Amino acid sequence: MKHRNTSVRSLSAVLLLILASLSVQAVAAAPVGPALVRIDVDRPLEELGVPILAHLQGAAGEEYALAVLAVSELETAGLSYTVLDPEAGDAGYLVALGHRPEGRAGAARNLDVLLDDGQRVVVRAGGGHAELLGDLGFVVSPLPTRPLVLRATPPSAVARPATYEAEVAAMIDEVRKAFVYDYCGSLTGEQPVPIGGSQLVLDTRATDSGTPIEWATQFVFEHEVHLRSESGPWTPAVTVRAGRDRVEISGLTPGETYYFRVRARKGDAVSDWSTRASATLPGAD
């Protein structure tokens, strides 16, 4: 009986040592520096109490946020999270949107996918990664490095009733579904766009070298011309590359007076409109 008690005490001591070792390993595995994390969003973003880089929604409708910060901040805030990259440091990340399962499968085969929510994948930015994801059918964008600016809505804020504006209504009437699809298709590589007098396809604008960046650079330095007749609103007329001082516009009505204005565009930034000019076309014979 005494020998049996000794064996039990020895076994208990061994188990305690194993548990202590596992505990030390678990503590050692916890990230101590900035980590890329996925945070479950169960409240307004401004109430999370941590800086957020992106607010997204998965294929199943779940809301989540991406952030780069110390895990201790998440623990202090009491948030539910998943560590995607424990050693974020100064790393950059790509967020790629694609609804095709074969595209996500290709990404998983060729890249270290940190997150796949059913319609987006997140990977570390690296040489050629953006081009590869573009070839797989993804729309690629870098994960912002600056946190979102979040402002709580004052409880007393009341939306003002909308008022009818004839000019705004006229602009809305000019929008057609086919035009929107055509315009988006031009920007996402579904169809060619005019660049330098040639029809070229922008497979992706998230690139760091080679011909695609040359095309994109030339494209953003083009000019945008708008026209308007005395009986209609301003409408896009033509886009031309920088440095040109002449342009031909077809499809105008004889005898009608048209007004023109020009502005420069670089990416999402645009200049103010120029002083408008007018021209009256000769009447029909």
Protein backbone atom coordinates (compact mmCIF):
# COMPACT_ATOMS: atom_id res chain seq x y z
CA MET A 1 0.00 0.00 0.00
CA LYS A 2 2.85 2.41 0.78
CA HIS A 3 4.45 1.64 -2.62
CA ARG A 4 1.16 2.43 -4.38
CA ASN A 5 0.86 5.84 -2.69
CA THR A 6 4.42 6.66 -3.74
CA SER A 7 3.59 5.78 -7.36
CA VAL A 8 0.52 8.00 -7.31
CA ARG A 9 2.53 10.92 -5.94
CA SER A 10 5.20 10.42 -8.63
CA LEU A 11 2.57 10.31 -11.39
CA SER A 12 0.95 13.48 -10.05
CA ALA A 13 4.32 15.25 -10.03
CA VAL A 14 4.95 14.24 -13.66
CA LEU A 15 1.53 15.50 -14.75
CA LEU A 16 2.11 18.82 -12.99
CA LEU A 17 5.44 19.21 -14.78
CA ILE A 18 3.80 18.49 -18.17
CA LEU A 19 1.02 21.00 -17.53
CA ALA A 20 3.52 23.63 -16.43
CA SER A 21 5.57 23.05 -19.57
CA LEU A 22 2.49 23.39 -21.80
CA SER A 23 1.54 26.60 -20.01
CA VAL A 24 5.00 28.08 -20.54
CA GLN A 25 4.87 27.14 -24.25
CA ALA A 26 1.44 28.75 -24.64
CA VAL A 27 2.65 31.97 -23.06
CA ALA A 28 5.78 31.95 -25.23
CA ALA A 29 3.66 31.48 -28.40
CA ALA A 30 1.57 34.60 -27.79
CA PRO A 31 2.68 37.46 -30.08
CA VAL A 32 4.44 40.21 -28.18
CA GLY A 33 4.81 42.71 -31.04
CA PRO A 34 2.33 44.04 -33.60
CA ALA A 35 0.25 41.30 -35.19
CA LEU A 36 -2.24 41.27 -38.06
CA VAL A 37 -5.56 40.26 -36.50
CA ARG A 38 -9.13 39.63 -37.57
CA ILE A 39 -11.57 41.14 -35.07
CA ASP A 40 -15.19 39.99 -34.82
CA VAL A 41 -17.42 43.08 -35.10
CA ASP A 42 -20.33 42.83 -32.68
CA ARG A 43 -20.82 46.55 -32.01
CA PRO A 44 -20.31 49.90 -33.76
CA LEU A 45 -16.70 50.27 -34.89
CA GLU A 46 -16.14 53.38 -32.79
CA GLU A 47 -16.95 51.31 -29.69
CA LEU A 48 -14.24 48.70 -30.33
CA GLY A 49 -11.64 50.99 -28.80
CA VAL A 50 -8.77 49.98 -31.10
CA PRO A 51 -7.47 51.39 -34.43
CA ILE A 52 -9.09 49.65 -37.42
CA LEU A 53 -7.52 49.41 -40.88
CA ALA A 54 -10.44 47.84 -42.76
CA HIS A 55 -14.08 46.91 -42.11
CA LEU A 56 -15.18 43.96 -44.24
CA GLN A 57 -17.93 41.37 -44.62
CA GLY A 58 -17.44 37.70 -45.39
CA ALA A 59 -19.42 35.56 -47.81
CA ALA A 60 -21.68 34.36 -44.99
CA GLY A 61 -22.54 37.94 -44.02
CA GLU A 62 -20.30 38.11 -40.95
CA GLU A 63 -18.71 41.48 -40.24
CA TYR A 64 -15.08 41.70 -39.20
CA ALA A 65 -12.26 44.21 -39.03
CA LEU A 66 -8.56 43.98 -39.81
CA ALA A 67 -6.00 45.65 -37.58
CA VAL A 68 -2.28 45.58 -36.83
CA LEU A 69 -1.61 45.99 -33.12
CA ALA A 70 -0.39 44.22 -30.01
CA VAL A 71 -2.56 41.37 -28.80
CA SER A 72 -2.46 42.87 -25.31
CA GLU A 73 -4.58 45.78 -26.60
CA LEU A 74 -7.23 43.34 -27.79
CA GLU A 75 -7.20 41.54 -24.48
CA THR A 76 -7.60 44.83 -22.62
CA ALA A 77 -10.53 45.81 -24.87
CA GLY A 78 -12.16 42.39 -24.36
CA LEU A 79 -12.53 41.70 -28.09
CA SER A 80 -12.95 38.39 -29.89
CA TYR A 81 -10.09 38.03 -32.40
CA THR A 82 -7.97 35.68 -34.50
CA VAL A 83 -4.25 36.23 -35.09
CA LEU A 84 -3.54 36.03 -38.84
CA ASP A 85 0.15 37.00 -38.82
CA PRO A 86 1.92 37.09 -35.43
CA GLU A 87 4.93 38.99 -36.81
CA ALA A 88 3.41 41.88 -38.75
CA GLY A 89 6.22 44.36 -38.10
CA ASP A 90 6.48 46.66 -41.11
CA ALA A 91 4.94 44.11 -43.48
CA GLY A 92 2.41 45.20 -46.11
CA TYR A 93 -0.68 43.18 -46.99
CA LEU A 94 -2.94 42.72 -50.01
CA VAL A 95 -6.71 42.30 -49.81
CA ALA A 96 -8.02 40.55 -52.94
CA LEU A 97 -11.71 40.30 -53.83
CA GLY A 98 -12.76 37.35 -55.99
CA HIS A 99 -15.93 35.26 -56.07
CA ARG A 100 -14.59 32.33 -58.10
CA PRO A 101 -13.70 29.25 -55.99
CA GLU A 102 -11.00 28.24 -58.49
CA GLY A 103 -9.36 31.64 -58.01
CA ARG A 104 -9.18 31.21 -54.24
CA ALA A 105 -7.91 27.66 -54.71
CA GLY A 106 -5.16 28.98 -56.99
CA ALA A 107 -4.23 31.59 -54.42
CA ALA A 108 -3.98 28.89 -51.74
CA ARG A 109 -1.69 26.81 -53.96
CA ASN A 110 0.68 29.62 -54.86
CA LEU A 111 0.64 31.98 -51.87
CA ASP A 112 0.55 31.88 -48.09
CA VAL A 113 -3.11 32.89 -47.62
CA LEU A 114 -3.60 34.39 -44.18
CA LEU A 115 -7.39 34.73 -44.45
CA ASP A 116 -10.10 33.47 -46.83
CA ASP A 117 -13.60 34.66 -45.91
CA GLY A 118 -15.29 33.08 -48.92
CA GLN A 119 -14.94 36.07 -51.20
CA ARG A 120 -11.71 37.78 -50.15
CA VAL A 121 -8.22 36.54 -49.40
CA VAL A 122 -5.52 38.36 -47.46
CA VAL A 123 -1.83 37.73 -48.17
CA ARG A 124 1.46 39.40 -47.38
CA ALA A 125 2.53 41.82 -50.10
CA GLY A 126 5.48 40.55 -52.10
CA GLY A 127 7.10 40.74 -55.50
CA GLY A 128 4.63 39.68 -58.17
CA HIS A 129 1.86 38.78 -55.73
CA ALA A 130 -0.52 41.48 -57.00
CA GLU A 131 -0.02 40.39 -60.61
CA LEU A 132 -0.55 36.73 -59.71
CA LEU A 133 -3.81 37.50 -57.90
CA GLY A 134 -4.92 39.64 -60.84
CA ASP A 135 -4.28 36.73 -63.20
CA LEU A 136 -6.46 34.56 -60.93
CA GLY A 137 -9.37 36.99 -61.36
CA PHE A 138 -9.04 39.00 -58.15
CA VAL A 139 -9.49 42.73 -57.73
CA VAL A 140 -6.46 43.61 -55.61
CA SER A 141 -5.93 46.50 -53.23
CA PRO A 142 -3.36 47.11 -50.49
CA LEU A 143 -4.48 47.01 -46.88
CA PRO A 144 -4.39 50.64 -45.69
CA THR A 145 -1.72 51.53 -43.18
CA ARG A 146 -3.66 54.43 -41.67
CA PRO A 147 -6.56 53.61 -39.34
CA LEU A 148 -10.10 54.47 -40.33
CA VAL A 149 -11.39 57.75 -38.95
CA LEU A 150 -14.44 56.84 -36.88
CA ARG A 151 -16.90 59.37 -35.57
CA ALA A 152 -19.86 58.45 -33.41
CA THR A 153 -23.18 59.82 -34.59
CA PRO A 154 -24.58 62.29 -32.03
CA PRO A 155 -27.76 60.89 -30.45
CA SER A 156 -29.63 64.09 -31.26
CA ALA A 157 -28.69 64.07 -34.94
CA VAL A 158 -31.79 64.06 -37.15
CA ALA A 159 -31.60 63.62 -40.90
CA ARG A 160 -32.95 66.57 -42.83
CA PRO A 161 -35.72 65.80 -45.30
CA ALA A 162 -34.52 65.52 -48.88
CA THR A 163 -35.47 68.32 -51.25
CA TYR A 164 -35.97 67.95 -54.97
CA GLU A 165 -33.19 69.41 -57.11
CA ALA A 166 -33.92 69.56 -60.83
CA GLU A 167 -30.23 69.57 -61.80
CA VAL A 168 -29.48 66.54 -59.63
CA ALA A 169 -32.52 64.73 -61.04
CA ALA A 170 -31.29 65.44 -64.57
CA MET A 171 -27.88 64.00 -63.73
CA ILE A 172 -29.46 60.85 -62.29
CA ASP A 173 -31.61 60.45 -65.40
CA GLU A 174 -28.45 60.40 -67.48
CA VAL A 175 -27.11 57.34 -65.62
CA ARG A 176 -27.84 54.06 -67.34
CA LYS A 177 -27.05 50.57 -66.10
CA ALA A 178 -25.24 49.74 -69.33
CA PHE A 179 -23.00 52.80 -68.93
CA VAL A 180 -22.09 51.84 -65.35
CA TYR A 181 -21.25 48.26 -66.37
CA ASP A 182 -19.21 49.56 -69.32
CA TYR A 183 -17.29 52.06 -67.19
CA CYS A 184 -16.53 49.52 -64.43
CA GLY A 185 -15.52 46.96 -67.05
CA SER A 186 -12.99 49.40 -68.48
CA LEU A 187 -11.38 49.91 -65.07
CA THR A 188 -11.22 46.20 -64.17
CA GLY A 189 -9.77 44.78 -67.39
CA GLU A 190 -12.96 43.32 -68.85
CA GLN A 191 -12.55 45.47 -71.95
CA PRO A 192 -9.83 47.67 -73.47
CA VAL A 193 -9.44 51.38 -72.64
CA PRO A 194 -7.81 54.05 -74.82
CA ILE A 195 -4.25 54.75 -73.65
CA GLY A 196 -1.87 56.71 -75.82
CA GLY A 197 -4.03 56.22 -78.89
CA SER A 198 -4.17 52.42 -78.50
CA GLN A 199 -6.77 50.10 -77.01
CA LEU A 200 -5.14 48.40 -74.01
CA VAL A 201 -6.39 46.20 -71.16
CA LEU A 202 -5.67 47.16 -67.54
CA ASP A 203 -5.54 43.70 -65.94
CA THR A 204 -4.68 45.24 -62.58
CA ARG A 205 -3.71 48.65 -61.21
CA ALA A 206 -2.01 47.06 -58.18
CA THR A 207 1.43 46.51 -59.69
CA ASP A 208 4.98 47.50 -58.84
CA SER A 209 6.90 47.09 -62.09
CA GLY A 210 6.80 46.48 -65.82
CA THR A 211 4.39 47.48 -68.55
CA PRO A 212 1.18 47.60 -66.47
CA ILE A 213 2.50 50.44 -64.31
CA GLU A 214 3.60 52.32 -67.43
CA TRP A 215 0.09 52.06 -68.88
CA ALA A 216 -1.50 53.08 -65.58
CA THR A 217 0.84 56.07 -65.25
CA GLN A 218 -0.06 57.29 -68.73
CA PHE A 219 -3.76 56.65 -68.17
CA VAL A 220 -3.96 58.81 -65.02
CA PHE A 221 -2.36 61.78 -66.78
CA GLU A 222 -5.11 61.97 -69.33
CA HIS A 223 -7.63 64.79 -69.54
CA GLU A 224 -11.37 64.62 -69.21
CA VAL A 225 -13.62 66.82 -71.38
CA HIS A 226 -17.31 67.45 -70.58
CA LEU A 227 -19.90 69.03 -72.83
CA ARG A 228 -23.38 70.37 -72.38
CA SER A 229 -26.01 71.72 -74.75
CA GLU A 230 -28.41 74.54 -73.92
CA SER A 231 -31.13 71.94 -73.42
CA GLY A 232 -29.24 69.31 -71.44
CA PRO A 233 -26.89 68.63 -68.48
CA TRP A 234 -23.11 68.21 -68.51
CA THR A 235 -22.11 64.82 -69.94
CA PRO A 236 -18.68 63.14 -70.44
CA ALA A 237 -17.48 63.70 -74.01
CA VAL A 238 -13.96 62.34 -74.48
CA THR A 239 -10.75 61.49 -72.61
CA VAL A 240 -7.39 62.43 -74.12
CA ARG A 241 -3.78 62.11 -73.02
CA ALA A 242 -1.83 65.02 -71.58
CA GLY A 243 -0.26 67.54 -73.94
CA ARG A 244 -2.94 67.54 -76.64
CA ASP A 245 -4.68 70.81 -77.51
CA ARG A 246 -7.19 69.52 -80.08
CA VAL A 247 -9.87 66.85 -79.96
CA GLU A 248 -12.71 65.72 -82.22
CA ILE A 249 -16.15 65.03 -80.73
CA SER A 250 -18.73 63.23 -82.85
CA GLY A 251 -22.48 62.75 -82.48
CA LEU A 252 -23.38 66.44 -82.03
CA THR A 253 -26.61 67.98 -83.34
CA PRO A 254 -26.40 70.59 -86.16
CA GLY A 255 -27.64 74.02 -85.12
CA GLU A 256 -27.17 73.28 -81.41
CA THR A 257 -25.00 75.36 -79.08
CA TYR A 258 -22.58 73.36 -76.93
CA TYR A 259 -20.51 74.36 -73.91
CA PHE A 260 -17.21 72.71 -73.08
CA ARG A 261 -15.03 72.51 -69.99
CA VAL A 262 -11.79 70.64 -69.23
CA ARG A 263 -10.06 69.34 -66.12
CA ALA A 264 -6.95 67.27 -65.39
CA ARG A 265 -7.11 63.95 -63.60
CA LYS A 266 -4.47 61.92 -61.77
CA GLY A 267 -5.84 58.80 -60.11
CA ASP A 268 -8.67 59.85 -57.81
CA ALA A 269 -7.48 63.48 -57.71
CA VAL A 270 -8.95 65.99 -60.17
CA SER A 271 -8.37 69.68 -60.79
CA ASP A 272 -11.02 72.38 -60.86
CA TRP A 273 -12.99 72.74 -64.11
CA SER A 274 -11.67 75.26 -66.61
CA THR A 275 -13.63 78.33 -67.69
CA ARG A 276 -16.31 77.05 -70.03
CA ALA A 277 -16.14 77.66 -73.78
CA SER A 278 -19.04 77.49 -76.23
CA ALA A 279 -19.54 76.68 -79.91
CA THR A 280 -22.64 76.73 -82.13
CA LEU A 281 -22.71 74.14 -84.88
CA PRO A 282 -23.85 75.12 -88.38
CA GLY A 283 -27.46 74.17 -89.14
CA ALA A 284 -28.37 71.14 -91.23
CA ASP A 285 -28.49 71.68 -95.03
